[in-house]
Amino acid sequence: MISLLKFLYKEIWVPSFGRLLFMFAPLIEGKTPAIKPNYRIDDDFKSENKTIN
């Protein structure tokens, strides 16, 4: 049961909710984001986006 919830969270919830929020990013932040998001929550964030402090 836990593995099913983990799968649904990683593969369904994070990408869909992330894309929904990304559509509203210009309204929330006041400008379009410079870096497009990725929705891989298991990867190391720092290795891919080295410009963010």
C-alpha atoms as a PDB file:
ATOM      1  CA  MET A   1       0.000   0.000   0.000  1.00  0.00           C
ATOM      2  CA  ILE A   2       2.831   2.415   0.828  1.00  0.00           C
ATOM      3  CA  SER A   3       4.581   1.701  -2.463  1.00  0.00           C
ATOM      4  CA  LEU A   4       1.348   2.443  -4.336  1.00  0.00           C
ATOM      5  CA  LEU A   5       0.993   5.795  -2.565  1.00  0.00           C
ATOM      6  CA  LYS A   6       4.653   6.579  -3.200  1.00  0.00           C
ATOM      7  CA  PHE A   7       4.223   5.799  -6.891  1.00  0.00           C
ATOM      8  CA  LEU A   8       1.073   7.909  -7.177  1.00  0.00           C
ATOM      9  CA  TYR A   9       2.764  10.824  -5.439  1.00  0.00           C
ATOM     10  CA  LYS A  10       5.923  10.728  -7.569  1.00  0.00           C
ATOM     11  CA  GLU A  11       4.398   9.900 -10.931  1.00  0.00           C
ATOM     12  CA  ILE A  12       0.992  11.601 -10.789  1.00  0.00           C
ATOM     13  CA  TRP A  13       0.712  14.272  -8.093  1.00  0.00           C
ATOM     14  CA  VAL A  14       4.092  16.024  -8.341  1.00  0.00           C
ATOM     15  CA  PRO A  15       4.149  16.388 -12.151  1.00  0.00           C
ATOM     16  CA  SER A  16       0.504  17.426 -12.509  1.00  0.00           C
ATOM     17  CA  PHE A  17       0.425  19.845  -9.571  1.00  0.00           C
ATOM     18  CA  GLY A  18       3.851  21.200 -10.524  1.00  0.00           C
ATOM     19  CA  ARG A  19       2.742  21.925 -14.068  1.00  0.00           C
ATOM     20  CA  LEU A  20      -0.423  23.577 -12.780  1.00  0.00           C
ATOM     21  CA  LEU A  21       1.576  25.841 -10.483  1.00  0.00           C
ATOM     22  CA  PHE A  22       4.085  26.572 -13.255  1.00  0.00           C
ATOM     23  CA  MET A  23       1.256  27.993 -15.388  1.00  0.00           C
ATOM     24  CA  PHE A  24       0.520  30.469 -12.597  1.00  0.00           C
ATOM     25  CA  ALA A  25       4.176  31.308 -11.879  1.00  0.00           C
ATOM     26  CA  PRO A  26       4.107  34.641 -13.747  1.00  0.00           C
ATOM     27  CA  LEU A  27       1.126  35.737 -11.662  1.00  0.00           C
ATOM     28  CA  ILE A  28       2.647  34.546  -8.385  1.00  0.00           C
ATOM     29  CA  GLU A  29       6.212  35.763  -8.932  1.00  0.00           C
ATOM     30  CA  GLY A  30       5.545  38.720 -11.205  1.00  0.00           C
ATOM     31  CA  LYS A  31       7.846  37.413 -13.954  1.00  0.00           C
ATOM     32  CA  THR A  32       8.410  34.249 -15.925  1.00  0.00           C
ATOM     33  CA  PRO A  33      10.885  31.804 -14.339  1.00  0.00           C
ATOM     34  CA  ALA A  34      14.377  31.737 -15.854  1.00  0.00           C
ATOM     35  CA  ILE A  35      14.824  28.005 -15.281  1.00  0.00           C
ATOM     36  CA  LYS A  36      12.176  25.545 -16.350  1.00  0.00           C
ATOM     37  CA  PRO A  37      11.332  23.076 -13.596  1.00  0.00           C
ATOM     38  CA  ASN A  38      11.865  19.376 -13.679  1.00  0.00           C
ATOM     39  CA  TYR A  39       9.533  17.088 -11.837  1.00  0.00           C
ATOM     40  CA  ARG A  40      12.025  14.401 -10.840  1.00  0.00           C
ATOM     41  CA  ILE A  41      12.001  14.460  -7.070  1.00  0.00           C
ATOM     42  CA  ASP A  42      14.571  11.694  -6.600  1.00  0.00           C
ATOM     43  CA  ASP A  43      17.407  13.306  -8.575  1.00  0.00           C
ATOM     44  CA  ASP A  44      20.005  15.598  -7.068  1.00  0.00           C
ATOM     45  CA  PHE A  45      18.792  19.159  -7.650  1.00  0.00           C
ATOM     46  CA  LYS A  46      22.187  20.804  -7.304  1.00  0.00           C
ATOM     47  CA  SER A  47      23.862  18.766 -10.037  1.00  0.00           C
ATOM     48  CA  GLU A  48      21.398  19.889 -12.715  1.00  0.00           C
ATOM     49  CA  ASN A  49      20.785  23.525 -11.764  1.00  0.00           C
ATOM     50  CA  LYS A  50      24.146  24.882 -10.707  1.00  0.00           C
ATOM     51  CA  THR A  51      23.200  28.550 -11.110  1.00  0.00           C
ATOM     52  CA  ILE A  52      20.784  28.552  -8.160  1.00  0.00           C
ATOM     53  CA  ASN A  53      22.293  29.435  -4.787  1.00  0.00           C
END
